[in-house]
Structures are given as structure tokens and as C-alpha cells.
Amino acid sequence: MNLKIAIPTNENGILDSHFGHARYFEIFETENKIIISHEKLTPPPHKPGSIPKWISEKKVTDVITGGIGEKAVKVLSHFDIKVHKGADQLKSTDLAKSLLNHTLQLTEENCNHHHDHSHAHGHRHEHKNGFRIKQ
């Protein structure tokens, strides 16, 4: 199956940890697990639902992201876009290739804001910019 992958990035092509506030989205078009085109686009201004709708208009099939809000996930899912959340802040090209090769690594948890919390199984960890920090 051919994929069209969208990745929120900064000006250096590195995954932006906050989906809704990314300066750019890099879109990779693929055929037979090979990237055939790559473009860097500026998304519309951030307001609820605007970026997922814009992504769906680009005929994207998959989104690779770090942190993303549940509402955005629901809107993307409504448009049949698969969301791969919890990705590391790596170059967008490397992330796209890892998805195609089935080697994309995602964290078990992610969130958009700095906070910490406890778990019933006796340990604590803190999240910052969508990534877990062990304590």
C-alpha cells in the first residue's frame, strides 16, 4: 500500500514535539516503500480542528508525531488518517523511512505539556515536551 506521511517539523526538519504548534509539516509521498516526493509546507493558523482538516485535504494517510491532543487524534481518525504518536525528535526523513520499514519506535505514553504523575505500580515519571523522563 502506498502511504502519504505528514510529520510536524521545525525549520531544521526535526520532528516538532507539539503537533498543533509546528511551524511546518513535511509530507512524504511513497510507492512500494520508497519515498517518491517530499515537500515542506506551512500549516494554517492553529485553531481546533484546522490542522487535521488541512492534512486530510492533502490526502495524507499517516501522521507521525510526538505530542498530540486527543481532539486532534479523533479528527484525524475521522478522516481515516492513522496517527503514530510518541515518536522521538529525529529528522523527518528518518522517521518516514522507519515507518515504511516497520521500525518506527514510539513511546508508550505521550502528552503535550510539562507535568508529572504517579502510577499505582510504585514509580513516578515526568513528561516534558511529550517525552517521558524517568525519575
N, C-alpha and C. Protein backbone atom coordinates (compact mmCIF):
# COMPACT_ATOMS: atom_id res chain seq x y z
N MET A 1 0.84 -1.19 0.00
CA MET A 1 0.00 0.00 0.00
C MET A 1 0.89 1.24 0.00
N ASN A 2 0.52 2.21 -0.79
CA ASN A 2 1.26 3.47 -0.84
C ASN A 2 0.76 4.40 0.26
N LEU A 3 1.70 5.04 0.92
CA LEU A 3 1.37 5.95 2.02
C LEU A 3 1.71 7.38 1.65
N LYS A 4 1.00 8.30 2.28
CA LYS A 4 1.34 9.71 2.24
C LYS A 4 1.45 10.12 3.70
N ILE A 5 2.67 10.45 4.12
CA ILE A 5 3.00 10.65 5.53
C ILE A 5 3.22 12.12 5.83
N ALA A 6 2.57 12.64 6.86
CA ALA A 6 2.78 14.02 7.31
C ALA A 6 3.48 14.01 8.66
N ILE A 7 4.49 14.89 8.79
CA ILE A 7 5.27 14.98 10.03
C ILE A 7 5.43 16.46 10.40
N PRO A 8 4.99 16.87 11.61
CA PRO A 8 5.20 18.25 12.04
C PRO A 8 6.68 18.47 12.36
N THR A 9 7.27 19.54 11.79
CA THR A 9 8.70 19.76 11.98
C THR A 9 9.03 21.21 12.30
N ASN A 10 10.28 21.39 12.73
CA ASN A 10 10.81 22.74 12.90
C ASN A 10 11.54 23.14 11.62
N GLU A 11 12.22 24.28 11.65
CA GLU A 11 12.90 24.78 10.45
C GLU A 11 14.06 23.89 10.00
N ASN A 12 14.55 23.02 10.88
CA ASN A 12 15.66 22.13 10.54
C ASN A 12 15.22 20.74 10.11
N GLY A 13 13.92 20.53 9.95
CA GLY A 13 13.43 19.23 9.52
C GLY A 13 13.39 18.20 10.62
N ILE A 14 13.45 18.65 11.88
CA ILE A 14 13.38 17.75 13.04
C ILE A 14 11.93 17.74 13.55
N LEU A 15 11.46 16.56 13.95
CA LEU A 15 10.10 16.44 14.49
C LEU A 15 9.85 17.49 15.56
N ASP A 16 8.77 18.24 15.41
CA ASP A 16 8.34 19.19 16.44
C ASP A 16 7.50 18.41 17.44
N SER A 17 7.81 18.55 18.71
CA SER A 17 7.13 17.75 19.73
C SER A 17 5.68 18.16 19.97
N HIS A 18 5.24 19.26 19.41
CA HIS A 18 3.87 19.74 19.64
C HIS A 18 3.15 19.87 18.30
N PHE A 19 2.33 18.90 17.97
CA PHE A 19 1.62 18.82 16.69
C PHE A 19 0.94 20.13 16.29
N GLY A 20 0.17 20.71 17.18
CA GLY A 20 -0.64 21.88 16.85
C GLY A 20 0.11 23.18 16.68
N HIS A 21 1.36 23.22 17.11
CA HIS A 21 2.13 24.46 17.03
C HIS A 21 3.36 24.35 16.15
N ALA A 22 3.42 23.32 15.32
CA ALA A 22 4.57 23.12 14.43
C ALA A 22 4.61 24.23 13.38
N ARG A 23 5.82 24.69 13.07
CA ARG A 23 5.98 25.72 12.04
C ARG A 23 5.78 25.17 10.64
N TYR A 24 6.10 23.87 10.48
CA TYR A 24 5.99 23.24 9.17
C TYR A 24 5.43 21.84 9.30
N PHE A 25 4.95 21.33 8.19
CA PHE A 25 4.62 19.92 8.05
C PHE A 25 5.33 19.44 6.81
N GLU A 26 6.06 18.35 6.97
CA GLU A 26 6.73 17.75 5.82
C GLU A 26 5.89 16.56 5.39
N ILE A 27 5.62 16.51 4.10
CA ILE A 27 4.75 15.47 3.57
C ILE A 27 5.55 14.61 2.59
N PHE A 28 5.51 13.32 2.86
CA PHE A 28 6.24 12.33 2.06
C PHE A 28 5.24 11.46 1.32
N GLU A 29 5.38 11.40 0.01
CA GLU A 29 4.56 10.51 -0.79
C GLU A 29 5.40 9.28 -1.10
N THR A 30 4.80 8.10 -0.98
CA THR A 30 5.57 6.86 -1.13
C THR A 30 4.89 5.92 -2.13
N GLU A 31 5.72 5.10 -2.74
CA GLU A 31 5.25 3.99 -3.58
C GLU A 31 6.14 2.79 -3.28
N ASN A 32 5.52 1.66 -3.00
CA ASN A 32 6.27 0.43 -2.74
C ASN A 32 7.40 0.63 -1.72
N LYS A 33 7.08 1.32 -0.64
CA LYS A 33 8.01 1.57 0.48
C LYS A 33 9.20 2.45 0.10
N ILE A 34 9.05 3.25 -0.97
CA ILE A 34 10.10 4.17 -1.39
C ILE A 34 9.51 5.58 -1.43
N ILE A 35 10.24 6.55 -0.88
CA ILE A 35 9.79 7.94 -0.91
C ILE A 35 9.98 8.46 -2.34
N ILE A 36 8.88 8.92 -2.95
CA ILE A 36 8.96 9.44 -4.31
C ILE A 36 8.84 10.97 -4.37
N SER A 37 8.31 11.58 -3.30
CA SER A 37 8.28 13.04 -3.23
C SER A 37 8.26 13.49 -1.78
N HIS A 38 8.74 14.70 -1.57
CA HIS A 38 8.87 15.27 -0.22
C HIS A 38 8.67 16.77 -0.34
N GLU A 39 7.73 17.30 0.41
CA GLU A 39 7.52 18.75 0.40
C GLU A 39 7.38 19.27 1.82
N LYS A 40 7.79 20.52 2.01
CA LYS A 40 7.71 21.19 3.31
C LYS A 40 6.69 22.31 3.18
N LEU A 41 5.61 22.22 3.96
CA LEU A 41 4.50 23.16 3.86
C LEU A 41 4.28 23.89 5.17
N THR A 42 3.76 25.09 5.08
CA THR A 42 3.37 25.87 6.27
C THR A 42 1.89 25.60 6.53
N PRO A 43 1.56 25.13 7.74
CA PRO A 43 0.16 24.82 8.05
C PRO A 43 -0.65 26.09 8.28
N PRO A 44 -1.97 25.95 8.29
CA PRO A 44 -2.82 27.10 8.62
C PRO A 44 -2.64 27.48 10.09
N PRO A 45 -3.09 28.66 10.49
CA PRO A 45 -3.00 29.05 11.90
C PRO A 45 -3.70 28.02 12.79
N HIS A 46 -3.14 27.84 13.99
CA HIS A 46 -3.66 26.83 14.92
C HIS A 46 -4.99 27.29 15.51
N LYS A 47 -6.01 26.50 15.25
CA LYS A 47 -7.29 26.60 15.96
C LYS A 47 -7.90 25.21 15.90
N PRO A 48 -8.74 24.85 16.85
CA PRO A 48 -9.23 23.47 16.94
C PRO A 48 -9.75 22.91 15.60
N GLY A 49 -9.16 21.79 15.21
CA GLY A 49 -9.59 21.08 14.01
C GLY A 49 -9.02 21.57 12.69
N SER A 50 -8.39 22.75 12.68
CA SER A 50 -7.93 23.31 11.40
C SER A 50 -6.79 22.51 10.78
N ILE A 51 -5.82 22.11 11.57
CA ILE A 51 -4.67 21.38 11.02
C ILE A 51 -5.06 19.96 10.59
N PRO A 52 -5.82 19.21 11.39
CA PRO A 52 -6.25 17.90 10.90
C PRO A 52 -7.06 17.98 9.60
N LYS A 53 -7.92 18.97 9.49
CA LYS A 53 -8.71 19.13 8.26
C LYS A 53 -7.79 19.45 7.08
N TRP A 54 -6.83 20.35 7.28
CA TRP A 54 -5.87 20.71 6.25
C TRP A 54 -5.06 19.49 5.81
N ILE A 55 -4.63 18.67 6.78
CA ILE A 55 -3.88 17.45 6.47
C ILE A 55 -4.74 16.50 5.64
N SER A 56 -6.01 16.37 5.99
CA SER A 56 -6.89 15.47 5.24
C SER A 56 -7.06 15.96 3.80
N GLU A 57 -7.08 17.27 3.60
CA GLU A 57 -7.20 17.83 2.25
C GLU A 57 -5.97 17.51 1.39
N LYS A 58 -4.85 17.21 2.04
CA LYS A 58 -3.62 16.84 1.34
C LYS A 58 -3.58 15.34 1.02
N LYS A 59 -4.66 14.63 1.37
CA LYS A 59 -4.78 13.18 1.11
C LYS A 59 -3.74 12.35 1.86
N VAL A 60 -3.40 12.81 3.07
CA VAL A 60 -2.44 12.11 3.92
C VAL A 60 -3.09 10.84 4.47
N THR A 61 -2.29 9.77 4.57
CA THR A 61 -2.78 8.50 5.14
C THR A 61 -2.28 8.27 6.56
N ASP A 62 -1.09 8.85 6.88
CA ASP A 62 -0.45 8.61 8.18
C ASP A 62 0.19 9.90 8.70
N VAL A 63 0.14 10.09 10.01
CA VAL A 63 0.82 11.20 10.67
C VAL A 63 1.77 10.60 11.71
N ILE A 64 3.02 11.07 11.69
CA ILE A 64 3.99 10.71 12.73
C ILE A 64 4.17 11.95 13.58
N THR A 65 3.99 11.83 14.89
CA THR A 65 4.06 12.99 15.76
C THR A 65 4.63 12.62 17.12
N GLY A 66 5.03 13.64 17.85
CA GLY A 66 5.45 13.47 19.24
C GLY A 66 4.20 13.58 20.10
N GLY A 67 3.94 14.79 20.60
CA GLY A 67 2.75 15.05 21.39
C GLY A 67 1.61 15.54 20.52
N ILE A 68 0.41 15.08 20.86
CA ILE A 68 -0.79 15.49 20.11
C ILE A 68 -1.99 15.37 21.03
N GLY A 69 -2.89 16.31 20.94
CA GLY A 69 -4.10 16.29 21.76
C GLY A 69 -5.09 15.25 21.28
N GLU A 70 -5.90 14.78 22.20
CA GLU A 70 -6.89 13.75 21.87
C GLU A 70 -7.90 14.22 20.84
N LYS A 71 -8.27 15.50 20.88
CA LYS A 71 -9.23 16.01 19.89
C LYS A 71 -8.64 15.91 18.49
N ALA A 72 -7.37 16.28 18.33
CA ALA A 72 -6.72 16.18 17.02
C ALA A 72 -6.68 14.73 16.56
N VAL A 73 -6.38 13.80 17.47
CA VAL A 73 -6.36 12.38 17.12
C VAL A 73 -7.73 11.95 16.63
N LYS A 74 -8.79 12.38 17.32
CA LYS A 74 -10.15 11.99 16.92
C LYS A 74 -10.50 12.55 15.55
N VAL A 75 -10.13 13.80 15.29
CA VAL A 75 -10.45 14.41 13.98
C VAL A 75 -9.67 13.69 12.88
N LEU A 76 -8.38 13.43 13.12
CA LEU A 76 -7.58 12.72 12.12
C LEU A 76 -8.16 11.32 11.87
N SER A 77 -8.55 10.64 12.93
CA SER A 77 -9.15 9.31 12.79
C SER A 77 -10.46 9.37 12.01
N HIS A 78 -11.22 10.43 12.22
CA HIS A 78 -12.47 10.62 11.47
C HIS A 78 -12.19 10.66 9.96
N PHE A 79 -11.05 11.22 9.59
CA PHE A 79 -10.65 11.30 8.18
C PHE A 79 -9.86 10.06 7.73
N ASP A 80 -9.88 9.01 8.55
CA ASP A 80 -9.17 7.74 8.25
C ASP A 80 -7.67 7.93 8.12
N ILE A 81 -7.11 8.82 8.93
CA ILE A 81 -5.67 9.05 8.97
C ILE A 81 -5.12 8.35 10.21
N LYS A 82 -4.15 7.49 10.01
CA LYS A 82 -3.55 6.75 11.13
C LYS A 82 -2.53 7.65 11.83
N VAL A 83 -2.62 7.72 13.15
CA VAL A 83 -1.75 8.57 13.95
C VAL A 83 -0.73 7.71 14.69
N HIS A 84 0.55 8.00 14.47
CA HIS A 84 1.65 7.32 15.14
C HIS A 84 2.23 8.33 16.13
N LYS A 85 1.78 8.28 17.38
CA LYS A 85 2.18 9.30 18.35
C LYS A 85 3.24 8.78 19.31
N GLY A 86 4.04 9.72 19.80
CA GLY A 86 5.09 9.36 20.74
C GLY A 86 6.43 9.13 20.07
N ALA A 87 6.61 9.67 18.86
CA ALA A 87 7.88 9.50 18.14
C ALA A 87 8.97 10.39 18.74
N ASP A 88 10.20 9.97 18.57
CA ASP A 88 11.35 10.75 19.04
C ASP A 88 11.62 11.92 18.10
N GLN A 89 12.28 12.94 18.62
CA GLN A 89 12.61 14.13 17.83
C GLN A 89 13.82 13.84 16.95
N LEU A 90 13.53 13.25 15.78
CA LEU A 90 14.53 12.89 14.80
C LEU A 90 14.23 13.61 13.49
N LYS A 91 15.11 13.48 12.52
CA LYS A 91 14.88 14.06 11.19
C LYS A 91 13.64 13.41 10.58
N SER A 92 12.84 14.24 9.93
CA SER A 92 11.59 13.75 9.35
C SER A 92 11.82 12.63 8.34
N THR A 93 12.86 12.74 7.54
CA THR A 93 13.15 11.70 6.54
C THR A 93 13.42 10.37 7.22
N ASP A 94 14.17 10.38 8.32
CA ASP A 94 14.45 9.15 9.05
C ASP A 94 13.18 8.54 9.64
N LEU A 95 12.29 9.40 10.14
CA LEU A 95 11.02 8.91 10.70
C LEU A 95 10.16 8.29 9.61
N ALA A 96 10.06 8.95 8.47
CA ALA A 96 9.26 8.41 7.36
C ALA A 96 9.81 7.06 6.90
N LYS A 97 11.13 6.98 6.75
CA LYS A 97 11.74 5.71 6.33
C LYS A 97 11.51 4.62 7.36
N SER A 98 11.57 4.96 8.64
CA SER A 98 11.36 3.94 9.67
C SER A 98 9.91 3.44 9.67
N LEU A 99 8.95 4.31 9.35
CA LEU A 99 7.57 3.85 9.24
C LEU A 99 7.44 2.88 8.06
N LEU A 100 8.05 3.22 6.95
CA LEU A 100 7.99 2.35 5.77
C LEU A 100 8.65 1.00 6.01
N ASN A 101 9.71 0.99 6.84
CA ASN A 101 10.45 -0.24 7.13
C ASN A 101 9.94 -0.97 8.37
N HIS A 102 8.85 -0.47 8.95
CA HIS A 102 8.25 -1.07 10.15
C HIS A 102 9.21 -1.07 11.34
N THR A 103 10.05 -0.03 11.43
CA THR A 103 10.98 0.08 12.56
C THR A 103 10.75 1.35 13.39
N LEU A 104 9.65 2.05 13.13
CA LEU A 104 9.34 3.28 13.86
C LEU A 104 9.11 2.94 15.34
N GLN A 105 9.86 3.63 16.21
CA GLN A 105 9.71 3.40 17.64
C GLN A 105 8.92 4.54 18.26
N LEU A 106 7.92 4.16 19.03
CA LEU A 106 7.04 5.11 19.69
C LEU A 106 7.05 4.86 21.18
N THR A 107 6.90 5.93 21.97
CA THR A 107 6.82 5.76 23.42
C THR A 107 5.43 5.25 23.77
N GLU A 108 5.33 4.60 24.92
CA GLU A 108 4.04 4.08 25.34
C GLU A 108 3.08 5.19 25.75
N GLU A 109 3.63 6.31 26.15
CA GLU A 109 2.81 7.42 26.59
C GLU A 109 3.34 8.70 25.98
N ASN A 110 2.47 9.65 25.79
CA ASN A 110 2.92 10.98 25.40
C ASN A 110 1.85 11.99 25.75
N CYS A 111 2.28 13.21 25.87
CA CYS A 111 1.37 14.30 26.15
C CYS A 111 2.05 15.57 25.69
N ASN A 112 1.32 16.66 25.70
CA ASN A 112 1.84 17.89 25.12
C ASN A 112 2.46 18.85 26.12
N HIS A 113 2.20 18.66 27.37
CA HIS A 113 2.59 19.69 28.32
C HIS A 113 3.46 19.11 29.43
N HIS A 114 4.23 19.96 30.08
CA HIS A 114 5.10 19.56 31.17
C HIS A 114 4.25 19.27 32.41
N HIS A 115 4.34 18.03 32.90
CA HIS A 115 3.69 17.68 34.16
C HIS A 115 4.26 16.35 34.63
N ASP A 116 3.94 15.99 35.86
CA ASP A 116 4.35 14.68 36.33
C ASP A 116 3.16 14.00 36.98
N HIS A 117 3.27 12.69 37.11
CA HIS A 117 2.20 11.95 37.76
C HIS A 117 2.73 10.61 38.26
N SER A 118 1.98 10.04 39.19
CA SER A 118 2.35 8.75 39.78
C SER A 118 1.50 7.65 39.17
N HIS A 119 2.02 6.44 39.26
CA HIS A 119 1.28 5.27 38.81
C HIS A 119 1.10 4.35 39.99
N ALA A 120 0.06 3.55 39.95
CA ALA A 120 -0.24 2.65 41.05
C ALA A 120 0.84 1.59 41.24
N HIS A 121 1.68 1.36 40.24
CA HIS A 121 2.68 0.31 40.36
C HIS A 121 4.00 0.81 40.94
N GLY A 122 3.97 1.94 41.65
CA GLY A 122 5.08 2.31 42.51
C GLY A 122 6.21 3.12 41.92
N HIS A 123 6.04 3.75 40.79
CA HIS A 123 7.11 4.64 40.31
C HIS A 123 6.50 5.92 39.75
N ARG A 124 7.37 6.89 39.63
CA ARG A 124 6.94 8.18 39.09
C ARG A 124 7.79 8.49 37.87
N HIS A 125 7.20 9.21 36.97
CA HIS A 125 8.00 9.77 35.90
C HIS A 125 7.37 11.08 35.45
N GLU A 126 8.17 11.88 34.83
CA GLU A 126 7.76 13.22 34.43
C GLU A 126 7.74 13.29 32.92
N HIS A 127 6.84 14.08 32.40
CA HIS A 127 6.77 14.30 30.96
C HIS A 127 7.18 15.73 30.67
N LYS A 128 7.94 15.93 29.63
CA LYS A 128 8.31 17.28 29.21
C LYS A 128 8.36 17.28 27.69
N ASN A 129 7.61 18.17 27.07
CA ASN A 129 7.54 18.27 25.62
C ASN A 129 7.14 16.95 24.96
N GLY A 130 6.25 16.22 25.63
CA GLY A 130 5.73 15.00 25.03
C GLY A 130 6.58 13.76 25.26
N PHE A 131 7.69 13.87 26.03
CA PHE A 131 8.56 12.73 26.23
C PHE A 131 8.70 12.42 27.71
N ARG A 132 8.80 11.14 28.00
CA ARG A 132 8.88 10.70 29.39
C ARG A 132 10.31 10.80 29.89
N ILE A 133 10.45 11.31 31.10
CA ILE A 133 11.74 11.42 31.76
C ILE A 133 11.64 10.59 33.02
N LYS A 134 12.48 9.56 33.15
CA LYS A 134 12.45 8.71 34.35
C LYS A 134 12.99 9.47 35.54
N GLN A 135 12.41 9.21 36.69
CA GLN A 135 12.87 9.84 37.94
C GLN A 135 13.34 8.79 38.89
